[in-house]
Amino acid sequence: MDLPVRTKLPHTIPQWVAEGSWFFITINCVPRRKNQLCRTQIGDAV
């Protein structure tokens, strides 16, 4: 099954974002669809 191709977004913080704001990020790992980041050592590093 082919995965959808995502649109590239700008990587600059908009001026209207308040200082100290929290952000949601997406991290893609290889191999996909394997829970790799919910391990203590890996999660702490991220």
Protein backbone atom coordinates (compact mmCIF):
# COMPACT_ATOMS: atom_id res chain seq x y z
CA MET A 1 0.00 0.00 0.00
CA ASP A 2 1.43 3.37 -1.00
CA LEU A 3 1.46 6.05 1.69
CA PRO A 4 0.19 9.55 0.95
CA VAL A 5 2.76 12.23 0.13
CA ARG A 6 2.62 15.10 2.60
CA THR A 7 2.84 18.74 1.65
CA LYS A 8 6.03 20.46 2.79
CA LEU A 9 5.38 23.19 5.36
CA PRO A 10 7.55 26.19 6.23
CA HIS A 11 9.86 25.59 9.21
CA THR A 12 9.76 29.08 10.65
CA ILE A 13 7.73 30.09 13.70
CA PRO A 14 4.98 32.55 12.74
CA GLN A 15 5.19 35.99 14.37
CA TRP A 16 1.79 35.53 16.03
CA VAL A 17 2.98 32.54 18.13
CA ALA A 18 3.52 33.58 21.74
CA GLU A 19 6.99 33.19 23.30
CA GLY A 20 7.26 29.90 25.23
CA SER A 21 4.43 28.18 23.31
CA TRP A 22 4.22 24.39 23.10
CA PHE A 23 4.36 22.64 19.73
CA PHE A 24 3.11 19.35 18.32
CA ILE A 25 5.65 17.57 16.15
CA THR A 26 5.47 14.45 14.00
CA ILE A 27 8.46 12.13 13.82
CA ASN A 28 8.67 9.51 11.08
CA CYS A 29 10.79 6.45 11.83
CA VAL A 30 12.14 3.61 9.75
CA PRO A 31 10.69 1.02 9.75
CA ARG A 32 7.21 2.60 9.72
CA ARG A 33 4.28 1.32 11.77
CA LYS A 34 6.54 -0.01 14.53
CA ASN A 35 6.33 1.53 18.00
CA GLN A 36 9.95 2.66 18.38
CA LEU A 37 9.73 5.85 20.44
CA CYS A 38 7.83 4.52 23.48
CA ARG A 39 10.89 2.97 25.07
CA THR A 40 12.43 4.61 28.11
CA GLN A 41 15.89 5.32 26.68
CA ILE A 42 14.58 6.44 23.27
CA GLY A 43 11.72 8.54 24.70
CA ASP A 44 14.03 10.32 27.14
CA ALA A 45 16.46 11.15 24.34
CA VAL A 46 13.70 12.59 22.15
